[in-house]
Amino acid sequence: MRPDDLPSGSPDRHSAGERNSILGRSGRALCARAERAAAGRCRRGGRRGQVPARLEFESLEQRLFLAAVFWDGGPTGTGTNFHLAANWVGDVLPGPDDDAIIDVAAGPTITITQTTTVRSLMSERGISHTAGTLTLNEASEFRAGYTLGSATLTGAGDLTFNGVVTWDGGTITGTGLATFASTAVVALSGLSRTLGRDLNSFGIVNWSSGDVQLLTGVEFTNKAGGQFNVSSSLTRQLNTNGATVTASFINEGTFTKSGAGQLRLNEHNLAVLHIVNRGVINMDEGTIEFGWNGSPAVFTNEAAGIVNVNAGTITARNAADSNAGLIDIDAGAFFRLEGGSTHAAGSVIQGAGDLLFVGGTHTFAAGSFVFDCQVAVSAILTGLGDLTFTGAVTWDNWATGNGTLTFASTATVNHIRGGYHRNTDNFGVFLWNNNDIELLGGRTFTNHVGAHFEFAVPLPRPHSYI
């Protein structure tokens, strides 16, 4: 076995000077024999006529004795029980101060079914952890896969997972960082699971059943190059667990939702779940709900973020939701902004699908915003930005702010109620179907040459407030 294959901190990974100062079991035995021999020589004295040698002791700093304990699989080499001493070299189990090393790749999966603590674990063999708590306090690596059932993996050490990882339930917690390496293929299946430490995923995560709970302060990050796939015909939940401290799911890679089921991002919890997109979200089927049943979730689409609503519906429900990137809505798909949102200069919402502003105030920064999708407005649109609509518009609220509002020549506006508290230019078809039109604060509504302004149904009191 090469020294580089050992976990950080094991004896063979130390420098030559450090190795001379760190002794394992065999080293301590040799020292004891040497001390006994030296003591015997002093008692016997030197040769006749010579003064007996004086034995002196020098006080040294305290040394930490560490041991690397290797797996051998017992007499047949085919053992699978992690807790059986016969399966380890010297028939001694690794303890809290030991680095447990399983460097024999060939053989059956090794099982962990009892509570145990080791300093670190490096395994070239698959591990099945179905019961008890495994505590790892230094950097550890599962190189050939890991299965976690109704058990707990914890400790201060960083954890790295390679190969096939099956997370059927249980808890991964502790203070170290967890990493799904680029070679990892992770199945979130079976029962629900809890994450209590930060996790970076560079591999492929396939979520098919059970829920995911993030403990307070945890960040789950799908890193660049990583894939996070949610596929289910049933409802799935990614929740926080706490009253005040937030948790976050951050996408820097590719996130894909398929299957007719609903994905609820935070349900029945008081703590805020932050969903941050810096990569690509593909909505292929079903629904995604950012916040559900009054639980707070904040969706942030950063400047590098792309949201492709290819089918189904995405709903964001928090006044702190924001877009600085691209949202593309295909025909037949829906993107709903409920309760308010903010839109940075240079952000884009486009496509042949439906964009719905529902309730709250939606603020647009200084700049130009062009909407070529079908838009329904039952909220307040405001800010310094200039807003241009080129498709079908259903108007059922107000536009305020200092920017302009333009209905292009290709636009058809169905006015239900509300007003235009900013300068408004109509080049398309404007159908006044119901209620009043309010023009306030010296604003103008201009129906340009070639445009069409029609009283679509008789009104008892058609009028405007100026």
Protein backbone atom coordinates (compact mmCIF):
# COMPACT_ATOMS: atom_id res chain seq x y z
CA MET A 1 0.00 0.00 0.00
CA ARG A 2 1.34 3.46 -0.91
CA PRO A 3 1.63 6.15 1.80
CA ASP A 4 -0.47 8.47 -0.34
CA ASP A 5 -3.35 5.99 -0.11
CA LEU A 6 -3.60 6.50 3.65
CA PRO A 7 -5.97 9.06 5.19
CA SER A 8 -4.46 12.32 6.28
CA GLY A 9 -2.91 11.98 9.72
CA SER A 10 -2.08 8.25 9.62
CA PRO A 11 1.50 7.39 10.66
CA ASP A 12 2.76 6.57 7.18
CA ARG A 13 1.59 9.94 5.89
CA HIS A 14 3.84 11.87 8.31
CA SER A 15 7.30 13.22 7.47
CA ALA A 16 10.37 11.22 8.45
CA GLY A 17 10.84 13.32 11.57
CA GLU A 18 7.22 12.93 12.56
CA ARG A 19 7.31 9.17 11.98
CA ASN A 20 10.29 8.93 14.36
CA SER A 21 8.22 10.63 17.07
CA ILE A 22 4.99 8.68 16.63
CA LEU A 23 4.94 5.08 17.82
CA GLY A 24 2.40 2.36 17.37
CA ARG A 25 1.87 -0.73 19.52
CA SER A 26 4.98 -2.53 18.26
CA GLY A 27 7.15 0.58 18.77
CA ARG A 28 6.06 0.94 22.35
CA ALA A 29 6.95 -2.70 23.03
CA LEU A 30 10.47 -2.24 21.63
CA CYS A 31 11.00 0.81 23.82
CA ALA A 32 9.91 -1.07 26.91
CA ARG A 33 12.40 -3.90 26.19
CA ALA A 34 15.21 -1.39 25.64
CA GLU A 35 14.47 0.35 28.92
CA ARG A 36 14.51 -2.96 30.84
CA ALA A 37 17.86 -3.90 29.28
CA ALA A 38 19.39 -0.54 30.18
CA ALA A 39 18.18 -0.83 33.75
CA GLY A 40 19.79 -4.31 34.07
CA ARG A 41 23.16 -3.05 32.91
CA CYS A 42 23.12 -0.29 35.49
CA ARG A 43 22.42 -2.72 38.31
CA ARG A 44 25.31 -4.99 37.24
CA GLY A 45 27.74 -2.08 36.95
CA GLY A 46 30.65 -1.71 34.53
CA ARG A 47 33.81 -3.72 34.19
CA ARG A 48 36.17 -4.08 37.22
CA GLY A 49 37.97 -0.87 37.98
CA GLN A 50 35.48 1.31 36.15
CA VAL A 51 32.83 3.58 37.60
CA PRO A 52 29.38 2.27 36.73
CA ALA A 53 27.71 4.20 33.97
CA ARG A 54 25.17 6.76 35.09
CA LEU A 55 21.71 6.43 33.53
CA GLU A 56 20.18 9.81 32.84
CA PHE A 57 16.65 10.64 31.63
CA GLU A 58 15.73 13.65 29.56
CA SER A 59 12.24 15.14 29.78
CA LEU A 60 10.54 15.22 26.40
CA GLU A 61 7.29 16.76 25.19
CA GLN A 62 4.18 14.58 25.29
CA ARG A 63 3.80 12.32 22.27
CA LEU A 64 0.55 11.20 20.67
CA PHE A 65 0.52 7.50 19.88
CA LEU A 66 -1.48 6.69 16.75
CA ALA A 67 -1.99 3.41 14.99
CA ALA A 68 -3.09 2.38 11.52
CA VAL A 69 -5.23 -0.73 11.82
CA PHE A 70 -5.59 -2.75 8.62
CA TRP A 71 -8.41 -5.02 7.48
CA ASP A 72 -7.56 -8.59 6.50
CA GLY A 73 -11.00 -10.19 6.40
CA GLY A 74 -10.16 -12.88 8.95
CA PRO A 75 -8.69 -16.36 8.34
CA THR A 76 -10.49 -16.78 5.02
CA GLY A 77 -10.15 -13.18 3.91
CA THR A 78 -13.89 -13.04 3.24
CA GLY A 79 -15.14 -11.57 6.51
CA THR A 80 -17.72 -8.78 6.35
CA ASN A 81 -18.35 -7.74 9.98
CA PHE A 82 -16.66 -4.42 10.76
CA HIS A 83 -17.08 -5.08 14.50
CA LEU A 84 -15.39 -8.52 14.56
CA ALA A 85 -11.79 -8.31 15.81
CA ALA A 86 -10.75 -11.38 13.79
CA ASN A 87 -11.31 -9.38 10.57
CA TRP A 88 -8.49 -6.94 11.44
CA VAL A 89 -4.73 -7.50 11.40
CA GLY A 90 -3.59 -8.66 14.82
CA ASP A 91 -7.21 -9.47 15.72
CA VAL A 92 -7.58 -6.05 17.34
CA LEU A 93 -10.46 -3.69 16.54
CA PRO A 94 -9.63 -0.10 15.57
CA GLY A 95 -10.46 2.40 18.32
CA PRO A 96 -11.03 6.15 18.65
CA ASP A 97 -7.31 6.93 18.17
CA ASP A 98 -6.83 4.58 15.21
CA ASP A 99 -6.97 5.00 11.44
CA ALA A 100 -9.05 2.13 10.10
CA ILE A 101 -7.77 1.11 6.66
CA ILE A 102 -9.56 -1.31 4.36
CA ASP A 103 -7.18 -1.54 1.42
CA VAL A 104 -8.36 -4.88 0.01
CA ALA A 105 -10.71 -3.97 -2.84
CA ALA A 106 -11.83 -7.48 -3.76
CA GLY A 107 -14.45 -9.13 -1.62
CA PRO A 108 -17.98 -8.74 -0.29
CA THR A 109 -19.48 -5.57 1.16
CA ILE A 110 -18.46 -4.80 4.74
CA THR A 111 -21.30 -4.18 7.22
CA ILE A 112 -21.52 -1.66 10.05
CA THR A 113 -24.40 -2.35 12.44
CA GLN A 114 -23.20 -1.03 15.81
CA THR A 115 -22.14 2.30 17.26
CA THR A 116 -18.40 2.77 16.85
CA THR A 117 -15.78 5.53 16.76
CA VAL A 118 -12.48 5.58 14.89
CA ARG A 119 -10.12 8.40 14.13
CA SER A 120 -10.55 7.95 10.36
CA LEU A 121 -11.67 5.39 7.83
CA MET A 122 -10.37 4.72 4.34
CA SER A 123 -12.14 1.94 2.49
CA GLU A 124 -11.47 0.40 -0.93
CA ARG A 125 -14.45 -1.89 -0.27
CA GLY A 126 -18.16 -1.09 -0.32
CA ILE A 127 -19.63 -0.26 3.10
CA SER A 128 -23.22 -0.97 4.20
CA HIS A 129 -24.15 1.04 7.29
CA THR A 130 -27.61 0.05 8.44
CA ALA A 131 -27.65 0.64 12.22
CA GLY A 132 -25.78 2.46 14.95
CA THR A 133 -23.67 5.62 14.81
CA LEU A 134 -20.30 5.74 13.05
CA THR A 135 -18.15 8.64 14.26
CA LEU A 136 -15.16 9.71 12.16
CA ASN A 137 -13.12 12.59 13.59
CA GLU A 138 -10.53 13.01 10.83
CA ALA A 139 -10.74 13.08 7.04
CA SER A 140 -12.18 9.81 5.71
CA GLU A 141 -12.97 8.38 2.30
CA PHE A 142 -15.38 5.77 0.99
CA ARG A 143 -13.74 4.83 -2.31
CA ALA A 144 -15.97 1.96 -3.43
CA GLY A 145 -19.45 3.08 -2.43
CA TYR A 146 -21.48 3.48 0.72
CA THR A 147 -25.04 2.60 1.74
CA LEU A 148 -26.73 4.43 4.63
CA GLY A 149 -29.96 3.06 6.06
CA SER A 150 -31.54 3.86 9.43
CA ALA A 151 -28.21 4.88 10.93
CA THR A 152 -26.08 7.95 11.61
CA LEU A 153 -22.74 9.02 10.14
CA THR A 154 -21.14 11.85 12.12
CA GLY A 155 -17.90 13.36 13.46
CA ALA A 156 -15.54 16.26 12.89
CA GLY A 157 -13.75 14.73 9.90
CA ASP A 158 -14.38 15.61 6.25
CA LEU A 159 -16.10 12.83 4.31
CA THR A 160 -15.55 11.94 0.64
CA PHE A 161 -17.79 9.49 -1.20
CA ASN A 162 -16.93 7.74 -4.48
CA GLY A 163 -18.73 5.04 -6.48
CA VAL A 164 -22.33 4.00 -5.90
CA VAL A 165 -23.84 5.73 -2.87
CA THR A 166 -27.30 4.69 -1.69
CA TRP A 167 -28.90 6.97 0.87
CA ASP A 168 -32.00 5.05 1.93
CA GLY A 169 -32.58 6.93 5.18
CA GLY A 170 -30.77 7.97 8.33
CA THR A 171 -28.63 11.00 9.04
CA ILE A 172 -25.32 12.47 7.88
CA THR A 173 -24.27 15.11 10.39
CA GLY A 174 -21.15 16.47 12.11
CA THR A 175 -18.89 19.47 11.60
CA GLY A 176 -16.74 18.36 8.65
CA LEU A 177 -17.53 18.87 4.98
CA ALA A 178 -19.15 16.04 3.02
CA THR A 179 -18.31 15.61 -0.67
CA PHE A 180 -19.88 13.48 -3.37
CA ALA A 181 -16.91 13.14 -5.76
CA SER A 182 -17.28 13.41 -9.53
CA THR A 183 -17.21 9.60 -9.74
CA ALA A 184 -20.11 9.23 -7.29
CA VAL A 185 -23.59 8.14 -8.40
CA VAL A 186 -25.95 8.81 -5.52
CA ALA A 187 -29.44 7.35 -5.10
CA LEU A 188 -31.80 9.14 -2.73
CA SER A 189 -34.33 6.36 -2.36
CA GLY A 190 -36.25 4.53 0.31
CA LEU A 191 -37.09 6.50 3.45
CA SER A 192 -36.56 10.17 4.25
CA ARG A 193 -33.09 11.39 5.19
CA THR A 194 -31.49 14.22 7.18
CA LEU A 195 -28.38 16.27 6.32
CA GLY A 196 -26.69 18.05 9.21
CA ARG A 197 -23.41 19.21 7.63
CA ASP A 198 -22.46 21.11 4.48
CA LEU A 199 -22.33 18.92 1.39
CA ASN A 200 -20.76 19.56 -2.03
CA SER A 201 -21.86 17.27 -4.85
CA PHE A 202 -19.71 16.95 -7.99
CA GLY A 203 -21.31 13.68 -9.10
CA ILE A 204 -24.79 12.52 -10.11
CA VAL A 205 -27.62 12.57 -7.57
CA ASN A 206 -30.87 10.78 -8.47
CA TRP A 207 -33.74 11.52 -6.07
CA SER A 208 -36.65 9.12 -6.53
CA SER A 209 -38.33 8.68 -3.14
CA GLY A 210 -38.41 9.92 0.44
CA ASP A 211 -37.89 13.51 1.59
CA VAL A 212 -34.72 15.46 2.43
CA GLN A 213 -34.40 17.53 5.58
CA LEU A 214 -31.65 20.14 6.02
CA LEU A 215 -30.72 21.00 9.58
CA THR A 216 -30.14 24.63 10.58
CA GLY A 217 -27.34 26.43 8.79
CA VAL A 218 -26.61 23.61 6.33
CA GLU A 219 -25.69 24.25 2.68
CA PHE A 220 -26.28 21.53 0.09
CA THR A 221 -24.46 22.58 -3.10
CA ASN A 222 -24.76 20.91 -6.48
CA LYS A 223 -21.37 22.01 -7.81
CA ALA A 224 -20.41 22.89 -11.38
CA GLY A 225 -20.39 19.68 -13.40
CA GLY A 226 -22.72 18.00 -10.93
CA GLN A 227 -26.18 16.69 -11.78
CA PHE A 228 -29.16 16.70 -9.41
CA ASN A 229 -32.16 14.85 -10.83
CA VAL A 230 -35.60 14.70 -9.20
CA SER A 231 -37.86 12.10 -10.79
CA SER A 232 -41.08 11.04 -9.14
CA SER A 233 -44.81 10.85 -9.76
CA LEU A 234 -45.42 11.63 -6.07
CA THR A 235 -44.82 14.68 -3.88
CA ARG A 236 -41.26 15.20 -2.64
CA GLN A 237 -40.11 17.72 -0.04
CA LEU A 238 -36.80 19.46 0.65
CA ASN A 239 -37.29 21.10 4.05
CA THR A 240 -35.50 23.06 6.72
CA ASN A 241 -35.63 22.03 10.36
CA GLY A 242 -35.69 24.89 12.78
CA ALA A 243 -37.42 28.04 13.92
CA THR A 244 -35.05 30.84 12.90
CA VAL A 245 -31.78 29.67 11.34
CA THR A 246 -31.87 29.23 7.59
CA ALA A 247 -30.59 26.44 5.34
CA SER A 248 -29.67 26.60 1.66
CA PHE A 249 -29.80 24.54 -1.51
CA ILE A 250 -27.40 25.97 -4.09
CA ASN A 251 -27.31 24.84 -7.72
CA GLU A 252 -24.12 25.53 -9.67
CA GLY A 253 -24.47 22.52 -11.99
CA THR A 254 -27.58 21.08 -13.64
CA PHE A 255 -30.83 20.54 -11.75
CA THR A 256 -33.58 18.60 -13.56
CA LYS A 257 -37.16 17.99 -12.43
CA SER A 258 -39.06 15.22 -14.24
CA GLY A 259 -42.06 13.07 -13.39
CA ALA A 260 -45.60 14.29 -12.82
CA GLY A 261 -45.12 14.74 -9.07
CA GLN A 262 -44.75 17.92 -7.09
CA LEU A 263 -41.46 19.11 -5.57
CA ARG A 264 -42.07 21.28 -2.52
CA LEU A 265 -39.08 23.30 -1.36
CA ASN A 266 -39.92 23.92 2.31
CA GLU A 267 -43.20 22.83 3.85
CA HIS A 268 -44.48 23.22 7.42
CA ASN A 269 -41.35 24.93 8.73
CA LEU A 270 -40.63 28.40 10.13
CA ALA A 271 -36.97 28.67 9.09
CA VAL A 272 -36.26 30.06 5.64
CA LEU A 273 -34.96 27.77 2.91
CA HIS A 274 -32.80 29.66 0.41
CA ILE A 275 -32.71 28.25 -3.12
CA VAL A 276 -29.91 29.83 -5.16
CA ASN A 277 -29.38 29.07 -8.85
CA ARG A 278 -26.01 29.78 -10.47
CA GLY A 279 -26.27 26.94 -12.98
CA VAL A 280 -29.10 25.48 -15.06
CA ILE A 281 -32.54 24.40 -13.87
CA ASN A 282 -34.52 22.23 -16.30
CA MET A 283 -38.21 21.93 -15.45
CA ASP A 284 -39.41 19.06 -17.67
CA GLU A 285 -42.57 17.81 -15.96
CA GLY A 286 -44.76 18.28 -12.90
CA THR A 287 -44.48 21.27 -10.55
CA ILE A 288 -41.89 22.98 -8.38
CA GLU A 289 -43.13 25.01 -5.42
CA PHE A 290 -40.70 27.43 -3.74
CA GLY A 291 -42.46 27.62 -0.39
CA TRP A 292 -45.61 25.72 0.48
CA ASN A 293 -48.45 26.13 2.95
CA GLY A 294 -47.00 29.37 4.32
CA SER A 295 -43.47 28.08 4.85
CA PRO A 296 -40.83 30.58 3.71
CA ALA A 297 -38.54 29.84 0.79
CA VAL A 298 -36.54 32.45 -1.11
CA PHE A 299 -35.59 31.79 -4.74
CA THR A 300 -32.61 33.67 -6.17
CA ASN A 301 -31.69 33.27 -9.84
CA GLU A 302 -28.24 34.85 -10.05
CA ALA A 303 -26.72 36.49 -13.13
CA ALA A 304 -25.23 33.19 -14.35
CA GLY A 305 -28.45 31.30 -13.62
CA ILE A 306 -30.66 29.82 -16.35
CA VAL A 307 -34.15 28.47 -15.70
CA ASN A 308 -35.68 26.46 -18.54
CA VAL A 309 -39.39 25.88 -17.92
CA ASN A 310 -39.87 23.29 -20.65
CA ALA A 311 -43.17 22.00 -19.25
CA GLY A 312 -45.18 22.11 -16.05
CA THR A 313 -45.24 24.96 -13.54
CA ILE A 314 -42.74 26.71 -11.27
CA THR A 315 -44.17 28.88 -8.48
CA ALA A 316 -42.11 31.26 -6.32
CA ARG A 317 -43.97 32.72 -3.34
CA ASN A 318 -41.69 35.09 -1.42
CA ALA A 319 -41.40 38.88 -1.71
CA ALA A 320 -37.61 38.43 -1.54
CA ASP A 321 -37.51 36.27 -4.70
CA SER A 322 -35.20 37.76 -7.32
CA ASN A 323 -33.99 37.29 -10.87
CA ALA A 324 -30.70 38.51 -12.30
CA GLY A 325 -30.34 35.79 -14.97
CA LEU A 326 -32.48 34.15 -17.65
CA ILE A 327 -35.89 32.52 -17.30
CA ASP A 328 -37.13 30.85 -20.49
CA ILE A 329 -40.73 29.61 -20.58
CA ASP A 330 -41.81 27.23 -23.35
CA ALA A 331 -45.32 27.16 -24.80
CA GLY A 332 -47.71 25.40 -22.45
CA ALA A 333 -45.46 25.97 -19.39
CA PHE A 334 -46.00 28.43 -16.54
CA PHE A 335 -43.81 30.54 -14.26
CA ARG A 336 -45.68 32.16 -11.35
CA LEU A 337 -44.27 34.95 -9.18
CA GLU A 338 -46.52 35.29 -6.14
CA GLY A 339 -46.15 37.84 -3.36
CA GLY A 340 -43.48 40.03 -4.93
CA SER A 341 -40.04 39.89 -6.58
CA THR A 342 -37.11 42.02 -7.73
CA HIS A 343 -35.51 42.02 -11.17
CA ALA A 344 -31.97 43.24 -11.82
CA ALA A 345 -30.87 45.20 -14.86
CA GLY A 346 -29.99 42.79 -17.66
CA SER A 347 -32.22 39.99 -16.41
CA VAL A 348 -34.52 38.35 -18.96
CA ILE A 349 -37.86 36.54 -18.86
CA GLN A 350 -38.81 35.22 -22.27
CA GLY A 351 -40.51 32.46 -24.23
CA ALA A 352 -43.88 31.43 -25.64
CA GLY A 353 -45.26 30.25 -22.28
CA ASP A 354 -47.13 32.04 -19.51
CA LEU A 355 -45.67 34.45 -16.95
CA LEU A 356 -47.95 35.34 -14.04
CA PHE A 357 -47.43 38.17 -11.53
CA VAL A 358 -49.76 37.31 -8.65
CA GLY A 359 -50.04 39.60 -5.64
CA GLY A 360 -47.40 41.77 -3.99
CA THR A 361 -45.05 44.27 -5.59
CA HIS A 362 -42.61 43.35 -8.36
CA THR A 363 -39.76 45.83 -8.77
CA PHE A 364 -37.66 46.32 -11.91
CA ALA A 365 -34.30 48.08 -11.74
CA ALA A 366 -33.30 50.81 -14.17
CA GLY A 367 -32.96 49.31 -17.64
CA SER A 368 -35.08 47.78 -20.37
CA PHE A 369 -37.23 44.67 -19.90
CA VAL A 370 -39.00 43.04 -22.85
CA PHE A 371 -41.59 40.31 -22.27
CA ASP A 372 -42.43 38.24 -25.35
CA CYS A 373 -44.32 35.61 -23.35
CA GLN A 374 -47.98 35.67 -22.41
CA VAL A 375 -48.30 37.76 -19.26
CA ALA A 376 -51.02 38.02 -16.61
CA VAL A 377 -50.66 40.94 -14.19
CA SER A 378 -52.64 40.77 -10.94
CA ALA A 379 -49.98 42.55 -8.90
CA ILE A 380 -48.16 45.87 -8.78
CA LEU A 381 -45.33 46.38 -11.26
CA THR A 382 -42.98 49.20 -10.27
CA GLY A 383 -39.42 50.51 -10.38
CA LEU A 384 -37.19 52.52 -12.68
CA GLY A 385 -37.15 49.94 -15.46
CA ASP A 386 -38.87 50.39 -18.82
CA LEU A 387 -41.34 47.54 -19.43
CA THR A 388 -42.31 46.37 -22.91
CA PHE A 389 -44.89 43.66 -23.63
CA THR A 390 -44.99 42.12 -27.10
CA GLY A 391 -47.55 39.31 -26.68
CA ALA A 392 -50.90 38.70 -25.00
CA VAL A 393 -51.38 40.61 -21.71
CA THR A 394 -54.15 40.29 -19.13
CA TRP A 395 -54.13 43.40 -16.95
CA ASP A 396 -55.76 43.26 -13.51
CA ASN A 397 -53.75 45.66 -11.30
CA TRP A 398 -51.40 48.64 -11.44
CA ALA A 399 -48.13 49.77 -12.96
CA THR A 400 -46.27 52.44 -10.98
CA GLY A 401 -42.77 53.87 -10.94
CA ASN A 402 -40.76 56.21 -13.16
CA GLY A 403 -40.07 53.88 -16.07
CA THR A 404 -42.24 53.66 -19.18
CA LEU A 405 -44.83 51.02 -20.02
CA THR A 406 -45.12 49.98 -23.66
CA PHE A 407 -47.54 47.65 -25.41
CA ALA A 408 -45.82 46.80 -28.72
CA SER A 409 -47.60 46.54 -32.06
CA THR A 410 -47.79 42.76 -31.61
CA ALA A 411 -49.40 43.02 -28.16
CA THR A 412 -53.02 42.43 -27.29
CA VAL A 413 -54.04 43.82 -23.89
CA ASN A 414 -57.13 42.60 -22.09
CA HIS A 415 -57.83 45.24 -19.42
CA ILE A 416 -59.86 43.87 -16.50
CA ARG A 417 -59.22 46.56 -13.92
CA GLY A 418 -56.46 48.70 -12.43
CA GLY A 419 -54.45 51.59 -13.71
CA TYR A 420 -51.33 52.91 -15.33
CA HIS A 421 -49.48 55.13 -12.90
CA ARG A 422 -46.55 55.62 -15.25
CA ASN A 423 -46.38 56.92 -18.81
CA THR A 424 -47.92 54.29 -21.07
CA ASP A 425 -47.66 53.88 -24.85
CA ASN A 426 -49.98 51.58 -26.78
CA PHE A 427 -48.97 50.48 -30.29
CA GLY A 428 -51.05 47.29 -30.28
CA VAL A 429 -54.61 46.26 -29.47
CA PHE A 430 -56.03 47.45 -26.15
CA LEU A 431 -59.38 45.94 -25.10
CA TRP A 432 -61.14 47.71 -22.25
CA ASN A 433 -63.28 44.90 -20.88
CA ASN A 434 -64.30 45.93 -17.41
CA ASN A 435 -64.04 48.43 -14.53
CA ASP A 436 -62.16 51.71 -14.54
CA ILE A 437 -58.81 52.84 -15.86
CA GLU A 438 -56.82 55.00 -13.46
CA LEU A 439 -54.23 57.50 -14.63
CA LEU A 440 -52.58 59.26 -11.69
CA GLY A 441 -49.77 61.67 -10.93
CA GLY A 442 -49.74 63.49 -14.27
CA ARG A 443 -49.05 60.29 -16.22
CA THR A 444 -50.11 59.96 -19.84
CA PHE A 445 -51.65 57.11 -21.78
CA THR A 446 -50.91 57.45 -25.50
CA ASN A 447 -52.73 55.39 -28.11
CA HIS A 448 -50.34 55.74 -31.05
CA VAL A 449 -51.05 55.87 -34.76
CA GLY A 450 -51.99 52.42 -35.98
CA ALA A 451 -52.92 51.21 -32.51
CA HIS A 452 -56.38 49.99 -31.59
CA PHE A 453 -58.25 51.03 -28.40
CA GLU A 454 -61.61 49.36 -28.02
CA PHE A 455 -64.41 49.35 -25.48
CA ALA A 456 -64.87 45.62 -25.64
CA VAL A 457 -68.10 45.46 -23.60
CA PRO A 458 -70.59 48.19 -22.66
CA LEU A 459 -69.77 49.72 -19.31
CA PRO A 460 -72.25 51.52 -17.04
CA ARG A 461 -69.71 54.23 -16.15
CA PRO A 462 -66.64 54.21 -18.33
CA HIS A 463 -64.28 56.87 -17.03
CA SER A 464 -60.73 57.50 -15.92
CA TYR A 465 -59.18 59.26 -12.96
CA ILE A 466 -56.51 61.78 -13.74
